[in-house]
Amino acid sequence: MKMKAGCSQLEPGALILVFNLCFYASYQLTELQVCKLCSGPVLNDTAVGQFCSVSAGRVDGRCCLRNDNTTDPEHIIGLDLSNCSLTHVEDLKEASTALMIDFSFNPIVNISDTAFQGFIELNYMILPGDIVCPGGNTSWSKVEVKKGNRLCEGQKNMCNQSGHLSVNCPENSLCAPYGPGFVQCSCADNYHGYKCLREGEFPALQVFGPLGASTVAIAFLLWVTQRRKAKSL
């Protein structure tokens, strides 16, 4: 409440500057660059094209987007990067919500181990036949080579059968899928800190309060500096 009251006393120019600093990340997501990695749109007779049609999706470049403007209009459900002359696959974070990705007919020589970290919804991949499925065969329910392509289907949950603890997670933590071959460990209720060893509620106000105040102060100083420079011209 104090931060809100303090911000309301700033002039409109300063408020706009604060807003841009705080929400810069969301502003950058107005255009999905991954959909433009290859020329042309998703074709109807491709795997992603057929999936998009069945899912009543919306084509944007090489992406199939969920056709639901009431929630997230930039939600990618399919990505077709087939026949794009790709040799390496690295940063595809914009497509982390995809259910299907097609990399067929590419001279790929390397896929980064972390390229699909966070792709928890990915359920079907098409790769060149000599490329191993992300996370290895044990990360998928079905792996087969068909017509020169490797098909990876049904991403497995790498947490143990209970769905809670994993040998890869520390005590007092919970395990959740985080992409093919990856898990994410988060502290259980009432635990926080390094390896979830601290018990009790996380002191959010003490940690984030000064950070928020510092952000507002820096934004205000930048605005004041700009005003002074403008007056000196």
Protein backbone atom coordinates (compact mmCIF):
# COMPACT_ATOMS: atom_id res chain seq x y z
CA MET A 1 0.00 0.00 0.00
CA LYS A 2 2.81 2.42 0.82
CA MET A 3 4.47 1.81 -2.56
CA LYS A 4 1.20 2.41 -4.35
CA ALA A 5 0.61 5.66 -2.50
CA GLY A 6 4.15 6.81 -3.25
CA CYS A 7 3.79 6.07 -6.97
CA SER A 8 0.53 8.00 -7.22
CA GLN A 9 2.37 11.19 -6.28
CA LEU A 10 4.70 10.97 -9.28
CA GLU A 11 3.98 12.88 -12.46
CA PRO A 12 2.63 10.93 -15.47
CA GLY A 13 6.03 10.73 -17.16
CA ALA A 14 7.58 8.99 -14.15
CA LEU A 15 4.65 6.61 -13.83
CA ILE A 16 5.07 5.56 -17.45
CA LEU A 17 8.78 4.96 -16.91
CA VAL A 18 8.09 2.79 -13.84
CA PHE A 19 5.48 0.84 -15.76
CA ASN A 20 7.92 0.16 -18.62
CA LEU A 21 10.61 -1.07 -16.24
CA CYS A 22 8.29 -3.36 -14.29
CA PHE A 23 6.56 -4.89 -17.29
CA TYR A 24 9.33 -4.83 -19.89
CA ALA A 25 9.36 -8.64 -20.17
CA SER A 26 5.68 -8.87 -21.12
CA TYR A 27 6.11 -6.08 -23.65
CA GLN A 28 8.82 -8.09 -25.40
CA LEU A 29 6.41 -10.99 -25.96
CA THR A 30 4.17 -9.09 -28.36
CA GLU A 31 5.78 -10.87 -31.32
CA LEU A 32 6.82 -14.52 -31.35
CA GLN A 33 10.17 -14.76 -33.13
CA VAL A 34 10.18 -18.56 -33.11
CA CYS A 35 7.24 -18.55 -35.55
CA LYS A 36 9.42 -16.70 -38.09
CA LEU A 37 12.47 -18.97 -37.98
CA CYS A 38 11.42 -20.40 -41.34
CA SER A 39 9.71 -18.78 -44.27
CA GLY A 40 6.15 -19.66 -45.17
CA PRO A 41 3.21 -20.83 -43.05
CA VAL A 42 2.32 -24.22 -41.61
CA LEU A 43 0.95 -26.31 -44.48
CA ASN A 44 -2.31 -28.24 -44.13
CA ASP A 45 -0.81 -31.58 -45.19
CA THR A 46 1.99 -31.57 -42.58
CA ALA A 47 1.78 -33.24 -39.17
CA VAL A 48 1.51 -29.90 -37.37
CA GLY A 49 -0.95 -28.61 -39.98
CA GLN A 50 -3.27 -31.57 -39.45
CA PHE A 51 -2.92 -31.29 -35.67
CA CYS A 52 -3.71 -27.58 -35.86
CA SER A 53 -6.83 -28.24 -37.93
CA VAL A 54 -8.10 -30.90 -35.53
CA SER A 55 -7.36 -28.61 -32.56
CA ALA A 56 -9.16 -25.67 -34.21
CA GLY A 57 -5.95 -23.65 -33.88
CA ARG A 58 -4.81 -20.51 -35.68
CA VAL A 59 -1.77 -20.50 -37.99
CA ASP A 60 0.84 -17.76 -37.57
CA GLY A 61 3.94 -18.39 -39.66
CA ARG A 62 5.39 -21.75 -38.60
CA CYS A 63 3.28 -21.82 -35.40
CA CYS A 64 -0.15 -23.13 -34.55
CA LEU A 65 -1.65 -20.92 -31.85
CA ARG A 66 -4.53 -21.73 -29.57
CA ASN A 67 -7.49 -19.90 -31.08
CA ASP A 68 -8.72 -18.43 -27.80
CA ASN A 69 -8.47 -14.65 -27.58
CA THR A 70 -10.05 -14.55 -24.13
CA THR A 71 -7.00 -16.06 -22.41
CA ASP A 72 -3.58 -16.03 -24.08
CA PRO A 73 -3.62 -15.25 -27.83
CA GLU A 74 0.12 -16.05 -28.12
CA HIS A 75 -0.18 -19.60 -26.71
CA ILE A 76 1.72 -21.93 -29.07
CA ILE A 77 0.36 -25.48 -29.31
CA GLY A 78 2.26 -26.61 -32.41
CA LEU A 79 5.58 -25.67 -34.05
CA ASP A 80 6.57 -26.79 -37.57
CA LEU A 81 10.29 -26.25 -38.25
CA SER A 82 10.55 -29.04 -40.80
CA ASN A 83 12.74 -28.54 -43.88
CA CYS A 84 14.29 -25.32 -42.51
CA SER A 85 18.01 -26.11 -43.03
CA LEU A 86 18.55 -26.13 -39.26
CA THR A 87 21.86 -27.53 -38.01
CA HIS A 88 21.51 -26.67 -34.31
CA VAL A 89 18.57 -26.43 -31.91
CA GLU A 90 19.11 -24.21 -28.88
CA ASP A 91 16.69 -21.54 -27.64
CA LEU A 92 13.01 -22.29 -28.25
CA LYS A 93 11.59 -20.98 -24.99
CA GLU A 94 8.80 -19.09 -26.76
CA ALA A 95 7.37 -22.46 -27.80
CA SER A 96 7.50 -24.03 -24.31
CA THR A 97 3.71 -24.54 -24.35
CA ALA A 98 3.78 -26.61 -27.56
CA LEU A 99 2.20 -30.06 -27.62
CA MET A 100 3.77 -30.99 -30.98
CA ILE A 101 7.04 -30.00 -32.68
CA ASP A 102 8.32 -31.13 -36.07
CA PHE A 103 12.06 -30.94 -36.92
CA SER A 104 12.01 -33.42 -39.79
CA PHE A 105 14.10 -32.94 -42.97
CA ASN A 106 16.76 -30.80 -41.28
CA PRO A 107 20.55 -31.44 -41.26
CA ILE A 108 20.63 -31.19 -37.46
CA VAL A 109 23.98 -32.12 -35.91
CA ASN A 110 23.33 -31.00 -32.35
CA ILE A 111 20.44 -30.36 -29.98
CA SER A 112 21.24 -28.59 -26.71
CA ASP A 113 20.56 -30.70 -23.60
CA THR A 114 18.48 -27.87 -22.17
CA ALA A 115 16.65 -26.89 -25.37
CA PHE A 116 13.38 -28.43 -24.16
CA GLN A 117 13.71 -27.71 -20.45
CA GLY A 118 10.32 -26.47 -19.24
CA PHE A 119 8.38 -28.05 -22.16
CA ILE A 120 6.04 -29.90 -19.82
CA GLU A 121 3.18 -30.14 -22.33
CA LEU A 122 5.26 -31.50 -25.22
CA ASN A 123 3.77 -34.85 -26.17
CA TYR A 124 4.87 -35.51 -29.75
CA MET A 125 8.10 -34.78 -31.64
CA ILE A 126 9.33 -35.58 -35.11
CA LEU A 127 13.13 -35.58 -35.54
CA PRO A 128 15.64 -36.65 -38.19
CA GLY A 129 16.23 -40.39 -37.84
CA ASP A 130 19.79 -40.04 -36.49
CA ILE A 131 18.84 -37.61 -33.69
CA VAL A 132 18.01 -39.06 -30.25
CA CYS A 133 14.77 -38.02 -28.54
CA PRO A 134 15.30 -35.27 -25.90
CA GLY A 135 16.01 -36.86 -22.53
CA GLY A 136 16.67 -40.25 -24.14
CA ASN A 137 14.28 -43.10 -24.91
CA THR A 138 13.40 -43.54 -21.22
CA SER A 139 11.76 -40.08 -21.24
CA TRP A 140 9.11 -41.18 -23.76
CA SER A 141 6.40 -43.82 -23.80
CA LYS A 142 7.03 -44.67 -27.45
CA VAL A 143 10.04 -44.13 -29.71
CA GLU A 144 10.24 -45.40 -33.28
CA VAL A 145 11.99 -44.62 -36.56
CA LYS A 146 9.56 -44.39 -39.46
CA LYS A 147 10.20 -43.22 -43.03
CA GLY A 148 13.58 -41.78 -42.03
CA ASN A 149 12.19 -39.78 -39.10
CA ARG A 150 12.38 -40.48 -35.37
CA LEU A 151 9.04 -40.18 -33.59
CA CYS A 152 9.00 -39.39 -29.86
CA GLU A 153 5.55 -39.83 -28.37
CA GLY A 154 4.11 -39.52 -24.86
CA GLN A 155 6.48 -37.58 -22.59
CA LYS A 156 6.97 -39.47 -19.34
CA ASN A 157 6.80 -38.04 -15.83
CA MET A 158 10.34 -38.48 -14.49
CA CYS A 159 9.24 -38.14 -10.86
CA ASN A 160 8.67 -41.43 -9.03
CA GLN A 161 5.36 -43.24 -8.88
CA SER A 162 4.06 -41.27 -5.88
CA GLY A 163 4.29 -38.02 -7.86
CA HIS A 164 5.78 -36.27 -4.84
CA LEU A 165 9.38 -37.09 -3.96
CA SER A 166 12.29 -37.94 -6.23
CA VAL A 167 15.82 -39.13 -5.55
CA ASN A 168 16.94 -36.02 -7.44
CA CYS A 169 15.10 -33.67 -5.07
CA PRO A 170 16.19 -32.81 -1.51
CA GLU A 171 14.21 -33.71 1.57
CA ASN A 172 11.18 -31.48 2.32
CA SER A 173 10.65 -30.83 -1.40
CA LEU A 174 8.19 -31.83 -4.11
CA CYS A 175 8.99 -33.13 -7.58
CA ALA A 176 7.25 -31.98 -10.79
CA PRO A 177 7.94 -32.69 -14.50
CA TYR A 178 9.96 -29.99 -16.26
CA GLY A 179 10.41 -31.22 -19.80
CA PRO A 180 11.82 -34.43 -21.35
CA GLY A 181 14.29 -35.93 -18.89
CA PHE A 182 13.97 -33.00 -16.46
CA VAL A 183 12.29 -32.55 -13.09
CA GLN A 184 11.76 -29.43 -11.02
CA CYS A 185 12.09 -29.49 -7.25
CA SER A 186 10.13 -27.03 -5.16
CA CYS A 187 10.00 -26.71 -1.40
CA ALA A 188 7.04 -28.32 0.33
CA ASP A 189 4.63 -26.21 2.38
CA ASN A 190 6.23 -24.48 5.35
CA TYR A 191 9.79 -25.01 4.03
CA HIS A 192 12.08 -22.66 2.11
CA GLY A 193 15.72 -21.66 1.60
CA TYR A 194 18.74 -23.65 0.43
CA LYS A 195 17.72 -27.28 -0.17
CA CYS A 196 14.44 -26.49 1.61
CA LEU A 197 16.15 -26.78 4.99
CA ARG A 198 14.48 -23.76 6.60
CA GLU A 199 11.12 -24.33 8.20
CA GLY A 200 8.47 -21.61 8.50
CA GLU A 201 6.90 -19.08 6.15
CA PHE A 202 9.12 -17.37 3.58
CA PRO A 203 9.74 -13.72 4.62
CA ALA A 204 8.44 -12.27 1.35
CA LEU A 205 7.92 -8.72 2.66
CA GLN A 206 11.46 -8.44 4.05
CA VAL A 207 12.99 -9.82 0.83
CA PHE A 208 10.91 -8.19 -1.91
CA GLY A 209 9.85 -5.01 -0.14
CA PRO A 210 13.22 -3.23 -0.42
CA LEU A 211 13.64 -4.52 -3.99
CA GLY A 212 10.35 -2.97 -5.08
CA ALA A 213 11.17 0.31 -3.37
CA SER A 214 14.59 0.36 -5.05
CA THR A 215 13.01 -0.16 -8.49
CA VAL A 216 10.68 2.79 -7.99
CA ALA A 217 13.53 4.97 -6.67
CA ILE A 218 15.78 4.16 -9.64
CA ALA A 219 12.98 4.88 -12.09
CA PHE A 220 12.29 8.20 -10.40
CA LEU A 221 15.97 9.19 -10.51
CA LEU A 222 16.15 8.34 -14.20
CA TRP A 223 13.11 10.49 -14.85
CA VAL A 224 14.56 13.41 -12.88
CA THR A 225 17.86 13.11 -14.80
CA GLN A 226 16.03 13.16 -18.12
CA ARG A 227 14.06 16.25 -17.06
CA ARG A 228 17.24 18.09 -16.10
CA LYS A 229 18.91 17.21 -19.40
CA ALA A 230 15.87 18.42 -21.31
CA LYS A 231 15.90 21.75 -19.47
CA SER A 232 19.62 22.26 -20.12
CA LEU A 233 19.19 21.92 -23.89
